[in-house]
Amino acid sequence: MPIVIRGPQGGGHRLGAQHSQSLEAWFVSVPGLKVVMPSTASDAKGLLLAAVRDPNPVLFLEHKNLYQLPRSAVPSGDYEIALGVADIKRAGTDVTVVATSNMVHEALKAARRLQRQGVSLEVIDPRTLWPLDESLILQSVRKTSRLVIAHEAPRRGGWGAELLSIVQEKAFDALDAPITIVAGRDAPLPYNAALERACIPGADEIAAAALTTLARPGLTCL
C-alpha cells in the first residue's frame, strides 16, 4: 500500500497531554510499517521523497520543534535519502549517543559541552526507526564501548528498549558499561510550562548519562 502519513508530535509547546505525545513506539511495533523521524530540514526533504516513492506504508513523524529551527541550507532539486540508513551527526571516540528527532539537537549540545572537558561523544541519528541501520550503530558501539540512547517518549515501552536489546544481543562483548536510556518521564505531559520542561529530557541529562557510562561523574555536564 503506497501511502505516506505525516504527523507532528512531541512536547515543549504547552499543548497538554492530548497533543504532546511521542508515539513512534506504537508504530514501530506494527509489522509492515516503516517509521521515519527526521531531525533536519535537508534530511526531511530527502527522506520524504524516498518515502513517497516507497511501495509500502510509511509513517513520517515530525517533532514540532523542528518547524521552528533556524533556516538551513537544503539541497535543491530531486534527491532521496534511503530509508534504513543512519547518519553520524558528530564523530567521536568515547561514548556513542543514538538520539532521535529533536533529541539529536540536544545530544549535539551535550557533545559540545563535554568536548571542552576532553570527552568525545559520537552522535548518531537513525533517521528511520524501522528499518533500522543496525550495522552503523553496532560499528560505533564497538568503537566507543559505550552507548547512551536518547528519545523524548517515556522509557516504558519506548523505542530505546528495542535498540538496547539489539545492542545487548549483538555487541555485548564490546560494552564496557551498561547501556543507558535517557527518556521522558512516565507521566502525561502537563500544560504548565515549568512542569512540561521537567518531563522532557535535554542536553543536561544526556551529558550526565555519558559521564556516568565513563565512570566520571565528578565532571560537570554544564
N, C-alpha and C. Protein backbone atom coordinates (compact mmCIF):
# COMPACT_ATOMS: atom_id res chain seq x y z
N MET A 1 0.85 -1.18 0.00
CA MET A 1 0.00 0.00 0.00
C MET A 1 0.89 1.24 0.00
N PRO A 2 1.03 1.94 -1.11
CA PRO A 2 1.94 3.10 -1.19
C PRO A 2 1.30 4.36 -0.63
N ILE A 3 1.42 4.53 0.68
CA ILE A 3 0.85 5.71 1.33
C ILE A 3 1.83 6.25 2.36
N VAL A 4 1.93 7.56 2.45
CA VAL A 4 2.75 8.23 3.47
C VAL A 4 1.84 9.05 4.36
N ILE A 5 1.97 8.84 5.66
CA ILE A 5 1.18 9.61 6.64
C ILE A 5 2.14 10.47 7.44
N ARG A 6 2.04 11.77 7.26
CA ARG A 6 2.86 12.71 8.02
C ARG A 6 2.09 13.14 9.26
N GLY A 7 2.82 13.31 10.37
CA GLY A 7 2.17 13.76 11.58
C GLY A 7 3.13 14.44 12.52
N PRO A 8 2.73 15.58 13.10
CA PRO A 8 3.55 16.23 14.12
C PRO A 8 3.40 15.52 15.46
N GLN A 9 4.43 15.58 16.27
CA GLN A 9 4.36 15.01 17.61
C GLN A 9 5.37 15.71 18.49
N GLY A 10 5.43 15.32 19.76
CA GLY A 10 6.41 15.87 20.68
C GLY A 10 5.89 17.02 21.51
N GLY A 11 6.59 17.27 22.62
CA GLY A 11 6.18 18.30 23.57
C GLY A 11 7.03 19.55 23.47
N GLY A 12 6.81 20.43 24.45
CA GLY A 12 7.57 21.67 24.51
C GLY A 12 6.80 22.89 24.08
N HIS A 13 5.52 22.73 23.75
CA HIS A 13 4.74 23.86 23.25
C HIS A 13 3.46 24.09 24.04
N ARG A 14 3.40 23.50 25.23
CA ARG A 14 2.26 23.68 26.14
C ARG A 14 0.94 23.35 25.43
N LEU A 15 0.91 22.18 24.84
CA LEU A 15 -0.31 21.71 24.17
C LEU A 15 -1.00 20.60 24.95
N GLY A 16 -0.51 20.36 26.16
CA GLY A 16 -1.17 19.40 27.02
C GLY A 16 -0.92 17.95 26.61
N ALA A 17 -1.47 17.06 27.42
CA ALA A 17 -1.22 15.63 27.21
C ALA A 17 -1.82 15.12 25.91
N GLN A 18 -2.86 15.79 25.42
CA GLN A 18 -3.54 15.29 24.22
C GLN A 18 -2.76 15.55 22.94
N HIS A 19 -1.89 16.54 22.93
CA HIS A 19 -1.23 16.94 21.69
C HIS A 19 0.29 17.00 21.82
N SER A 20 0.87 16.34 22.80
CA SER A 20 2.31 16.44 23.03
C SER A 20 3.00 15.09 23.10
N GLN A 21 2.29 14.04 22.77
CA GLN A 21 2.86 12.71 22.92
C GLN A 21 3.87 12.39 21.82
N SER A 22 4.71 11.41 22.11
CA SER A 22 5.65 10.85 21.13
C SER A 22 5.23 9.39 20.92
N LEU A 23 4.76 9.10 19.73
CA LEU A 23 4.05 7.84 19.51
C LEU A 23 4.82 6.84 18.66
N GLU A 24 6.11 7.08 18.45
CA GLU A 24 6.84 6.24 17.50
C GLU A 24 6.84 4.77 17.88
N ALA A 25 6.88 4.46 19.19
CA ALA A 25 6.93 3.05 19.61
C ALA A 25 5.66 2.31 19.21
N TRP A 26 4.52 3.01 19.18
CA TRP A 26 3.28 2.37 18.74
C TRP A 26 3.44 1.82 17.34
N PHE A 27 4.01 2.65 16.46
CA PHE A 27 4.05 2.30 15.04
C PHE A 27 5.18 1.33 14.72
N VAL A 28 6.31 1.45 15.42
CA VAL A 28 7.42 0.54 15.16
C VAL A 28 7.01 -0.90 15.45
N SER A 29 6.09 -1.08 16.37
CA SER A 29 5.68 -2.44 16.76
C SER A 29 4.73 -3.09 15.76
N VAL A 30 4.31 -2.36 14.73
CA VAL A 30 3.37 -2.91 13.74
C VAL A 30 4.14 -3.45 12.54
N PRO A 31 4.14 -4.75 12.31
CA PRO A 31 4.85 -5.30 11.16
C PRO A 31 4.32 -4.73 9.85
N GLY A 32 5.24 -4.37 8.96
CA GLY A 32 4.86 -3.84 7.66
C GLY A 32 4.92 -2.34 7.56
N LEU A 33 4.95 -1.63 8.69
CA LEU A 33 5.06 -0.18 8.67
C LEU A 33 6.52 0.25 8.71
N LYS A 34 6.85 1.29 7.95
CA LYS A 34 8.15 1.93 8.05
C LYS A 34 7.95 3.24 8.80
N VAL A 35 8.90 3.57 9.67
CA VAL A 35 8.75 4.72 10.55
C VAL A 35 9.96 5.64 10.38
N VAL A 36 9.70 6.88 9.99
CA VAL A 36 10.74 7.87 9.71
C VAL A 36 10.63 9.01 10.72
N MET A 37 11.78 9.45 11.26
CA MET A 37 11.80 10.59 12.19
C MET A 37 12.99 11.47 11.85
N PRO A 38 12.83 12.46 10.98
CA PRO A 38 13.96 13.33 10.62
C PRO A 38 14.29 14.31 11.74
N SER A 39 15.52 14.84 11.68
CA SER A 39 15.92 15.85 12.67
C SER A 39 16.36 17.15 12.01
N THR A 40 16.50 17.18 10.69
CA THR A 40 16.91 18.39 9.98
C THR A 40 16.06 18.58 8.74
N ALA A 41 16.08 19.79 8.21
CA ALA A 41 15.29 20.08 7.02
C ALA A 41 15.80 19.31 5.80
N SER A 42 17.11 19.24 5.64
CA SER A 42 17.66 18.54 4.48
C SER A 42 17.35 17.05 4.54
N ASP A 43 17.44 16.47 5.74
CA ASP A 43 17.08 15.06 5.88
C ASP A 43 15.60 14.86 5.61
N ALA A 44 14.78 15.79 6.10
CA ALA A 44 13.33 15.65 5.93
C ALA A 44 12.96 15.62 4.45
N LYS A 45 13.57 16.47 3.66
CA LYS A 45 13.24 16.50 2.23
C LYS A 45 13.63 15.19 1.55
N GLY A 46 14.87 14.76 1.77
CA GLY A 46 15.33 13.54 1.12
C GLY A 46 14.59 12.30 1.58
N LEU A 47 14.28 12.25 2.86
CA LEU A 47 13.55 11.11 3.39
C LEU A 47 12.10 11.10 2.91
N LEU A 48 11.49 12.29 2.81
CA LEU A 48 10.10 12.35 2.36
C LEU A 48 9.97 11.91 0.91
N LEU A 49 10.91 12.33 0.07
CA LEU A 49 10.87 11.88 -1.33
C LEU A 49 11.04 10.36 -1.41
N ALA A 50 11.94 9.82 -0.60
CA ALA A 50 12.12 8.37 -0.59
C ALA A 50 10.86 7.66 -0.08
N ALA A 51 10.23 8.25 0.92
CA ALA A 51 9.02 7.65 1.48
C ALA A 51 7.88 7.63 0.48
N VAL A 52 7.70 8.74 -0.24
CA VAL A 52 6.63 8.83 -1.23
C VAL A 52 6.81 7.79 -2.33
N ARG A 53 8.04 7.51 -2.68
CA ARG A 53 8.32 6.57 -3.76
C ARG A 53 8.41 5.13 -3.28
N ASP A 54 8.31 4.92 -1.98
CA ASP A 54 8.36 3.57 -1.44
C ASP A 54 6.99 2.90 -1.64
N PRO A 55 6.94 1.65 -2.05
CA PRO A 55 5.65 0.99 -2.29
C PRO A 55 4.93 0.55 -1.03
N ASN A 56 5.51 0.82 0.13
CA ASN A 56 4.93 0.36 1.39
C ASN A 56 4.43 1.54 2.22
N PRO A 57 3.56 1.30 3.21
CA PRO A 57 3.09 2.39 4.08
C PRO A 57 4.22 2.92 4.96
N VAL A 58 4.33 4.25 5.01
CA VAL A 58 5.39 4.91 5.78
C VAL A 58 4.76 5.93 6.71
N LEU A 59 5.12 5.88 7.99
CA LEU A 59 4.76 6.91 8.96
C LEU A 59 5.90 7.90 9.04
N PHE A 60 5.61 9.16 8.79
CA PHE A 60 6.64 10.22 8.75
C PHE A 60 6.35 11.16 9.91
N LEU A 61 7.12 11.02 11.00
CA LEU A 61 6.84 11.72 12.25
C LEU A 61 7.78 12.91 12.42
N GLU A 62 7.20 14.09 12.63
CA GLU A 62 7.96 15.34 12.69
C GLU A 62 7.75 16.02 14.04
N HIS A 63 8.83 16.24 14.76
CA HIS A 63 8.72 16.96 16.04
C HIS A 63 8.38 18.42 15.77
N LYS A 64 7.48 18.95 16.58
CA LYS A 64 7.04 20.34 16.37
C LYS A 64 8.19 21.34 16.50
N ASN A 65 9.18 21.03 17.34
CA ASN A 65 10.31 21.96 17.48
C ASN A 65 11.08 22.13 16.18
N LEU A 66 11.05 21.11 15.33
CA LEU A 66 11.81 21.19 14.09
C LEU A 66 11.23 22.21 13.12
N TYR A 67 9.96 22.55 13.29
CA TYR A 67 9.35 23.58 12.44
C TYR A 67 9.89 24.97 12.77
N GLN A 68 10.52 25.10 13.94
CA GLN A 68 10.99 26.41 14.40
C GLN A 68 12.51 26.52 14.42
N LEU A 69 13.19 25.57 13.82
CA LEU A 69 14.65 25.68 13.73
C LEU A 69 15.04 26.84 12.83
N PRO A 70 16.22 27.42 13.05
CA PRO A 70 16.70 28.45 12.12
C PRO A 70 16.78 27.89 10.70
N ARG A 71 16.58 28.75 9.74
CA ARG A 71 16.66 28.31 8.34
C ARG A 71 18.04 27.73 8.06
N SER A 72 18.05 26.64 7.31
CA SER A 72 19.31 25.99 6.97
C SER A 72 19.30 25.62 5.49
N ALA A 73 20.48 25.39 4.96
CA ALA A 73 20.61 25.06 3.54
C ALA A 73 20.00 23.69 3.27
N VAL A 74 19.19 23.63 2.24
CA VAL A 74 18.59 22.38 1.79
C VAL A 74 18.96 22.19 0.32
N PRO A 75 19.54 21.06 -0.04
CA PRO A 75 19.91 20.85 -1.44
C PRO A 75 18.71 21.05 -2.36
N SER A 76 18.94 21.72 -3.46
CA SER A 76 17.87 21.93 -4.43
C SER A 76 17.72 20.69 -5.31
N GLY A 77 16.61 20.62 -5.99
CA GLY A 77 16.41 19.52 -6.92
C GLY A 77 15.90 18.27 -6.24
N ASP A 78 15.93 17.21 -7.01
CA ASP A 78 15.36 15.93 -6.60
C ASP A 78 16.46 15.05 -6.01
N TYR A 79 16.35 14.74 -4.73
CA TYR A 79 17.30 13.81 -4.12
C TYR A 79 16.59 13.00 -3.05
N GLU A 80 17.06 11.80 -2.86
CA GLU A 80 16.49 10.91 -1.87
C GLU A 80 17.54 10.52 -0.84
N ILE A 81 17.08 10.27 0.37
CA ILE A 81 17.89 9.63 1.40
C ILE A 81 17.25 8.29 1.67
N ALA A 82 17.96 7.23 1.42
CA ALA A 82 17.40 5.90 1.52
C ALA A 82 16.88 5.61 2.93
N LEU A 83 15.71 5.01 3.01
CA LEU A 83 15.18 4.60 4.30
C LEU A 83 16.04 3.46 4.86
N GLY A 84 16.30 3.53 6.15
CA GLY A 84 17.12 2.50 6.78
C GLY A 84 18.60 2.81 6.81
N VAL A 85 18.96 4.08 6.54
CA VAL A 85 20.37 4.48 6.57
C VAL A 85 20.53 5.59 7.61
N ALA A 86 21.28 5.31 8.66
CA ALA A 86 21.52 6.28 9.72
C ALA A 86 22.59 7.28 9.30
N ASP A 87 22.77 8.32 10.13
CA ASP A 87 23.75 9.36 9.83
C ASP A 87 24.52 9.71 11.09
N ILE A 88 25.83 9.79 10.97
CA ILE A 88 26.66 10.25 12.09
C ILE A 88 26.68 11.77 12.05
N LYS A 89 25.95 12.38 12.97
CA LYS A 89 25.88 13.84 13.01
C LYS A 89 27.13 14.46 13.61
N ARG A 90 27.84 13.69 14.44
CA ARG A 90 29.10 14.17 15.02
C ARG A 90 29.95 12.96 15.35
N ALA A 91 31.15 12.90 14.83
CA ALA A 91 32.05 11.79 15.10
C ALA A 91 32.67 11.94 16.48
N GLY A 92 32.90 10.82 17.14
CA GLY A 92 33.50 10.85 18.47
C GLY A 92 34.12 9.52 18.80
N THR A 93 34.78 9.45 19.96
CA THR A 93 35.53 8.25 20.32
C THR A 93 35.19 7.65 21.67
N ASP A 94 34.54 8.41 22.56
CA ASP A 94 34.37 7.95 23.95
C ASP A 94 33.03 7.29 24.22
N VAL A 95 31.95 7.88 23.74
CA VAL A 95 30.59 7.37 24.00
C VAL A 95 29.75 7.54 22.74
N THR A 96 29.02 6.49 22.39
CA THR A 96 28.05 6.59 21.31
C THR A 96 26.72 7.06 21.87
N VAL A 97 26.15 8.09 21.27
CA VAL A 97 24.82 8.57 21.64
C VAL A 97 23.92 8.41 20.42
N VAL A 98 22.92 7.55 20.53
CA VAL A 98 21.92 7.41 19.47
C VAL A 98 20.69 8.19 19.91
N ALA A 99 20.38 9.24 19.17
CA ALA A 99 19.28 10.13 19.54
C ALA A 99 18.31 10.25 18.37
N THR A 100 17.04 10.45 18.69
CA THR A 100 16.02 10.54 17.65
C THR A 100 15.41 11.94 17.60
N SER A 101 15.09 12.38 16.40
CA SER A 101 14.32 13.59 16.17
C SER A 101 14.91 14.79 16.91
N ASN A 102 14.12 15.47 17.73
CA ASN A 102 14.60 16.67 18.41
C ASN A 102 15.73 16.38 19.39
N MET A 103 15.81 15.16 19.90
CA MET A 103 16.88 14.81 20.84
C MET A 103 18.24 14.81 20.16
N VAL A 104 18.28 14.73 18.84
CA VAL A 104 19.56 14.85 18.13
C VAL A 104 20.20 16.20 18.45
N HIS A 105 19.42 17.26 18.44
CA HIS A 105 19.95 18.59 18.71
C HIS A 105 20.40 18.71 20.16
N GLU A 106 19.67 18.08 21.07
CA GLU A 106 20.09 18.09 22.47
C GLU A 106 21.38 17.29 22.66
N ALA A 107 21.51 16.19 21.94
CA ALA A 107 22.73 15.39 22.02
C ALA A 107 23.93 16.17 21.49
N LEU A 108 23.72 16.93 20.43
CA LEU A 108 24.81 17.74 19.88
C LEU A 108 25.22 18.84 20.86
N LYS A 109 24.25 19.42 21.57
CA LYS A 109 24.58 20.40 22.61
C LYS A 109 25.43 19.74 23.69
N ALA A 110 25.02 18.55 24.12
CA ALA A 110 25.78 17.84 25.15
C ALA A 110 27.19 17.54 24.66
N ALA A 111 27.32 17.17 23.40
CA ALA A 111 28.64 16.85 22.86
C ALA A 111 29.55 18.07 22.87
N ARG A 112 28.98 19.23 22.52
CA ARG A 112 29.80 20.45 22.51
C ARG A 112 30.24 20.82 23.92
N ARG A 113 29.37 20.64 24.89
CA ARG A 113 29.73 20.97 26.28
C ARG A 113 30.84 20.04 26.79
N LEU A 114 30.67 18.75 26.54
CA LEU A 114 31.63 17.79 27.07
C LEU A 114 32.97 17.84 26.34
N GLN A 115 32.96 18.31 25.11
CA GLN A 115 34.22 18.43 24.37
C GLN A 115 35.19 19.35 25.11
N ARG A 116 34.64 20.38 25.76
CA ARG A 116 35.51 21.32 26.49
C ARG A 116 36.20 20.65 27.68
N GLN A 117 35.69 19.47 28.07
CA GLN A 117 36.30 18.74 29.19
C GLN A 117 37.02 17.48 28.71
N GLY A 118 37.23 17.40 27.41
CA GLY A 118 38.00 16.29 26.88
C GLY A 118 37.22 15.01 26.67
N VAL A 119 35.89 15.09 26.66
CA VAL A 119 35.04 13.93 26.43
C VAL A 119 34.45 14.02 25.03
N SER A 120 34.60 12.96 24.26
CA SER A 120 34.20 12.95 22.85
C SER A 120 32.98 12.06 22.65
N LEU A 121 31.84 12.66 22.29
CA LEU A 121 30.62 11.91 22.01
C LEU A 121 30.45 11.72 20.51
N GLU A 122 30.06 10.54 20.12
CA GLU A 122 29.66 10.28 18.74
C GLU A 122 28.14 10.27 18.69
N VAL A 123 27.55 11.20 17.94
CA VAL A 123 26.09 11.35 17.89
C VAL A 123 25.57 10.75 16.60
N ILE A 124 24.71 9.76 16.73
CA ILE A 124 24.12 9.07 15.58
C ILE A 124 22.63 9.34 15.53
N ASP A 125 22.16 9.74 14.37
CA ASP A 125 20.74 9.93 14.12
C ASP A 125 20.26 8.77 13.24
N PRO A 126 19.42 7.87 13.76
CA PRO A 126 18.98 6.74 12.93
C PRO A 126 18.14 7.17 11.74
N ARG A 127 17.47 8.29 11.86
CA ARG A 127 16.62 8.87 10.80
C ARG A 127 15.39 8.01 10.50
N THR A 128 15.56 6.72 10.34
CA THR A 128 14.40 5.84 10.26
C THR A 128 14.51 4.83 11.41
N LEU A 129 13.44 4.73 12.18
CA LEU A 129 13.44 3.80 13.31
C LEU A 129 13.18 2.37 12.84
N TRP A 130 12.47 2.27 11.73
CA TRP A 130 12.31 0.97 11.08
C TRP A 130 12.08 1.20 9.60
N PRO A 131 12.89 0.60 8.72
CA PRO A 131 14.03 -0.27 9.05
C PRO A 131 15.16 0.48 9.73
N LEU A 132 15.88 -0.22 10.58
CA LEU A 132 16.93 0.39 11.39
C LEU A 132 18.30 0.02 10.85
N ASP A 133 19.19 0.99 10.83
CA ASP A 133 20.56 0.78 10.40
C ASP A 133 21.37 0.20 11.56
N GLU A 134 21.18 -1.07 11.80
CA GLU A 134 21.87 -1.71 12.92
C GLU A 134 23.38 -1.70 12.73
N SER A 135 23.84 -1.91 11.52
CA SER A 135 25.28 -2.08 11.29
C SER A 135 26.07 -0.83 11.68
N LEU A 136 25.55 0.36 11.34
CA LEU A 136 26.27 1.58 11.68
C LEU A 136 26.31 1.79 13.19
N ILE A 137 25.20 1.54 13.85
CA ILE A 137 25.14 1.71 15.31
C ILE A 137 26.07 0.72 16.00
N LEU A 138 26.04 -0.54 15.58
CA LEU A 138 26.90 -1.55 16.20
C LEU A 138 28.37 -1.24 15.95
N GLN A 139 28.68 -0.75 14.77
CA GLN A 139 30.06 -0.37 14.47
C GLN A 139 30.54 0.72 15.41
N SER A 140 29.69 1.71 15.67
CA SER A 140 30.06 2.80 16.58
C SER A 140 30.21 2.29 18.01
N VAL A 141 29.29 1.43 18.45
CA VAL A 141 29.38 0.90 19.81
C VAL A 141 30.64 0.07 20.00
N ARG A 142 31.00 -0.69 19.00
CA ARG A 142 32.24 -1.47 19.10
C ARG A 142 33.47 -0.57 19.17
N LYS A 143 33.36 0.64 18.62
CA LYS A 143 34.47 1.60 18.68
C LYS A 143 34.55 2.28 20.04
N THR A 144 33.42 2.73 20.57
CA THR A 144 33.42 3.50 21.81
C THR A 144 33.25 2.64 23.06
N SER A 145 32.62 1.48 22.91
CA SER A 145 32.34 0.54 24.02
C SER A 145 31.29 1.07 24.99
N ARG A 146 30.59 2.14 24.61
CA ARG A 146 29.58 2.71 25.49
C ARG A 146 28.43 3.26 24.66
N LEU A 147 27.20 3.17 25.22
CA LEU A 147 26.04 3.62 24.47
C LEU A 147 25.04 4.32 25.37
N VAL A 148 24.62 5.50 24.93
CA VAL A 148 23.51 6.23 25.53
C VAL A 148 22.44 6.39 24.45
N ILE A 149 21.21 6.08 24.78
CA ILE A 149 20.08 6.22 23.86
C ILE A 149 19.19 7.34 24.38
N ALA A 150 18.82 8.27 23.51
CA ALA A 150 18.03 9.42 23.94
C ALA A 150 16.80 9.57 23.06
N HIS A 151 15.63 9.55 23.70
CA HIS A 151 14.38 9.89 23.00
C HIS A 151 13.43 10.57 23.96
N GLU A 152 12.49 11.33 23.40
CA GLU A 152 11.60 12.13 24.23
C GLU A 152 10.47 11.32 24.84
N ALA A 153 10.07 10.26 24.18
CA ALA A 153 8.98 9.42 24.70
C ALA A 153 9.38 8.80 26.04
N PRO A 154 8.41 8.44 26.87
CA PRO A 154 8.74 7.76 28.12
C PRO A 154 9.54 6.49 27.87
N ARG A 155 10.35 6.13 28.85
CA ARG A 155 11.19 4.94 28.71
C ARG A 155 10.34 3.68 28.64
N ARG A 156 9.28 3.61 29.44
CA ARG A 156 8.47 2.40 29.50
C ARG A 156 7.84 2.10 28.14
N GLY A 157 8.20 0.97 27.56
CA GLY A 157 7.67 0.60 26.26
C GLY A 157 8.23 1.41 25.11
N GLY A 158 9.28 2.17 25.34
CA GLY A 158 9.82 3.07 24.33
C GLY A 158 10.70 2.36 23.32
N TRP A 159 11.02 3.09 22.24
CA TRP A 159 11.85 2.55 21.18
C TRP A 159 13.26 2.25 21.68
N GLY A 160 13.72 2.99 22.66
CA GLY A 160 15.07 2.78 23.17
C GLY A 160 15.29 1.37 23.71
N ALA A 161 14.24 0.78 24.27
CA ALA A 161 14.37 -0.58 24.79
C ALA A 161 14.63 -1.57 23.66
N GLU A 162 14.04 -1.32 22.50
CA GLU A 162 14.27 -2.19 21.34
C GLU A 162 15.73 -2.09 20.90
N LEU A 163 16.25 -0.87 20.81
CA LEU A 163 17.65 -0.71 20.42
C LEU A 163 18.58 -1.32 21.47
N LEU A 164 18.25 -1.12 22.75
CA LEU A 164 19.07 -1.70 23.81
C LEU A 164 19.16 -3.21 23.65
N SER A 165 18.03 -3.87 23.35
CA SER A 165 18.04 -5.32 23.22
C SER A 165 18.88 -5.77 22.03
N ILE A 166 18.84 -4.99 20.93
CA ILE A 166 19.64 -5.33 19.75
C ILE A 166 21.13 -5.27 20.07
N VAL A 167 21.55 -4.16 20.70
CA VAL A 167 22.97 -3.99 21.01
C VAL A 167 23.42 -5.00 22.06
N GLN A 168 22.58 -5.23 23.06
CA GLN A 168 22.92 -6.20 24.10
C GLN A 168 23.12 -7.60 23.50
N GLU A 169 22.31 -7.93 22.52
CA GLU A 169 22.39 -9.26 21.91
C GLU A 169 23.57 -9.39 20.95
N LYS A 170 23.86 -8.31 20.20
CA LYS A 170 24.82 -8.43 19.10
C LYS A 170 26.19 -7.81 19.39
N ALA A 171 26.29 -7.01 20.45
CA ALA A 171 27.59 -6.38 20.73
C ALA A 171 27.89 -6.37 22.22
N PHE A 172 27.39 -7.34 22.95
CA PHE A 172 27.57 -7.36 24.40
C PHE A 172 29.04 -7.36 24.79
N ASP A 173 29.84 -8.13 24.10
CA ASP A 173 31.26 -8.25 24.47
C ASP A 173 32.03 -6.96 24.25
N ALA A 174 31.46 -6.04 23.47
CA ALA A 174 32.14 -4.78 23.19
C ALA A 174 31.86 -3.73 24.25
N LEU A 175 30.87 -3.96 25.11
CA LEU A 175 30.44 -2.95 26.07
C LEU A 175 31.33 -2.94 27.31
N ASP A 176 31.74 -1.74 27.71
CA ASP A 176 32.50 -1.56 28.95
C ASP A 176 31.66 -0.95 30.05
N ALA A 177 30.39 -0.66 29.77
CA ALA A 177 29.49 -0.06 30.76
C ALA A 177 28.06 -0.40 30.36
N PRO A 178 27.14 -0.39 31.33
CA PRO A 178 25.75 -0.65 30.99
C PRO A 178 25.21 0.40 30.01
N ILE A 179 24.32 -0.03 29.14
CA ILE A 179 23.65 0.90 28.23
C ILE A 179 22.67 1.75 29.04
N THR A 180 22.64 3.04 28.74
CA THR A 180 21.77 3.97 29.45
C THR A 180 20.75 4.56 28.49
N ILE A 181 19.50 4.64 28.96
CA ILE A 181 18.44 5.28 28.18
C ILE A 181 18.03 6.58 28.85
N VAL A 182 18.10 7.67 28.11
CA VAL A 182 17.62 8.97 28.57
C VAL A 182 16.27 9.19 27.90
N ALA A 183 15.22 9.33 28.69
CA ALA A 183 13.88 9.39 28.12
C ALA A 183 12.99 10.32 28.94
N GLY A 184 11.80 10.58 28.41
CA GLY A 184 10.84 11.42 29.11
C GLY A 184 10.29 10.74 30.34
N ARG A 185 9.72 11.54 31.21
CA ARG A 185 9.13 10.99 32.44
C ARG A 185 7.89 10.17 32.10
N ASP A 186 7.62 9.19 32.94
CA ASP A 186 6.46 8.32 32.75
C ASP A 186 5.21 9.02 33.29
N ALA A 187 4.80 10.07 32.56
CA ALA A 187 3.66 10.88 33.00
C ALA A 187 3.07 11.60 31.80
N PRO A 188 1.77 11.86 31.82
CA PRO A 188 1.19 12.71 30.77
C PRO A 188 1.85 14.08 30.82
N LEU A 189 2.18 14.64 29.67
CA LEU A 189 2.85 15.94 29.66
C LEU A 189 1.90 17.03 30.16
N PRO A 190 2.34 17.78 31.17
CA PRO A 190 1.47 18.82 31.74
C PRO A 190 1.36 20.04 30.83
N TYR A 191 0.33 20.82 31.06
CA TYR A 191 0.17 22.08 30.34
C TYR A 191 1.11 23.15 30.89
N ASN A 192 1.33 23.14 32.20
CA ASN A 192 2.21 24.13 32.82
C ASN A 192 3.61 24.05 32.23
N ALA A 193 4.18 25.20 31.86
CA ALA A 193 5.45 25.23 31.15
C ALA A 193 6.60 24.64 31.97
N ALA A 194 6.68 25.00 33.25
CA ALA A 194 7.78 24.51 34.08
C ALA A 194 7.67 23.00 34.29
N LEU A 195 6.46 22.52 34.51
CA LEU A 195 6.28 21.08 34.69
C LEU A 195 6.54 20.32 33.39
N GLU A 196 6.15 20.92 32.27
CA GLU A 196 6.42 20.27 30.99
C GLU A 196 7.92 20.14 30.76
N ARG A 197 8.68 21.20 31.05
CA ARG A 197 10.13 21.14 30.88
C ARG A 197 10.75 20.06 31.76
N ALA A 198 10.17 19.87 32.94
CA ALA A 198 10.69 18.87 33.87
C ALA A 198 10.46 17.45 33.37
N CYS A 199 9.51 17.28 32.46
CA CYS A 199 9.18 15.95 31.95
C CYS A 199 9.97 15.58 30.71
N ILE A 200 10.58 16.55 30.06
CA ILE A 200 11.26 16.30 28.78
C ILE A 200 12.77 16.35 28.99
N PRO A 201 13.50 15.31 28.60
CA PRO A 201 14.96 15.32 28.79
C PRO A 201 15.64 16.28 27.82
N GLY A 202 16.89 16.59 28.13
CA GLY A 202 17.64 17.51 27.27
C GLY A 202 19.13 17.26 27.36
N ALA A 203 19.90 18.28 26.99
CA ALA A 203 21.35 18.13 26.92
C ALA A 203 21.97 17.80 28.28
N ASP A 204 21.43 18.37 29.36
CA ASP A 204 22.00 18.09 30.68
C ASP A 204 21.91 16.60 31.02
N GLU A 205 20.74 16.02 30.77
CA GLU A 205 20.55 14.60 31.09
C GLU A 205 21.42 13.71 30.21
N ILE A 206 21.55 14.08 28.94
CA ILE A 206 22.38 13.28 28.03
C ILE A 206 23.85 13.35 28.44
N ALA A 207 24.32 14.55 28.78
CA ALA A 207 25.71 14.70 29.20
C ALA A 207 25.98 13.94 30.49
N ALA A 208 25.04 14.02 31.43
CA ALA A 208 25.23 13.31 32.70
C ALA A 208 25.26 11.80 32.47
N ALA A 209 24.41 11.30 31.58
CA ALA A 209 24.41 9.86 31.28
C ALA A 209 25.72 9.43 30.65
N ALA A 210 26.25 10.26 29.76
CA ALA A 210 27.52 9.94 29.12
C ALA A 210 28.65 9.88 30.14
N LEU A 211 28.68 10.83 31.05
CA LEU A 211 29.73 10.83 32.08
C LEU A 211 29.60 9.62 33.00
N THR A 212 28.36 9.22 33.28
CA THR A 212 28.17 8.05 34.13
C THR A 212 28.70 6.79 33.46
N THR A 213 28.48 6.65 32.15
CA THR A 213 29.00 5.46 31.46
C THR A 213 30.52 5.44 31.45
N LEU A 214 31.12 6.63 31.55
CA LEU A 214 32.59 6.72 31.61
C LEU A 214 33.12 6.62 33.04
N ALA A 215 32.19 6.48 34.01
CA ALA A 215 32.58 6.46 35.42
C ALA A 215 33.34 7.72 35.80
N ARG A 216 32.86 8.86 35.25
CA ARG A 216 33.48 10.14 35.55
C ARG A 216 32.42 11.14 36.01
N PRO A 217 31.62 10.77 37.01
CA PRO A 217 30.53 11.66 37.45
C PRO A 217 31.00 12.95 38.07
N GLY A 218 32.29 13.05 38.43
CA GLY A 218 32.79 14.26 39.04
C GLY A 218 32.86 15.43 38.08
N LEU A 219 32.89 15.15 36.78
CA LEU A 219 32.90 16.23 35.81
C LEU A 219 31.53 16.88 35.75
N THR A 220 31.50 18.15 35.40
CA THR A 220 30.24 18.86 35.28
C THR A 220 29.70 18.70 33.87
N CYS A 221 28.37 18.63 33.74
CA CYS A 221 27.77 18.49 32.41
C CYS A 221 27.34 19.83 31.85
N LEU A 222 27.69 20.94 32.55
CA LEU A 222 27.28 22.26 32.08
C LEU A 222 28.35 22.88 31.20
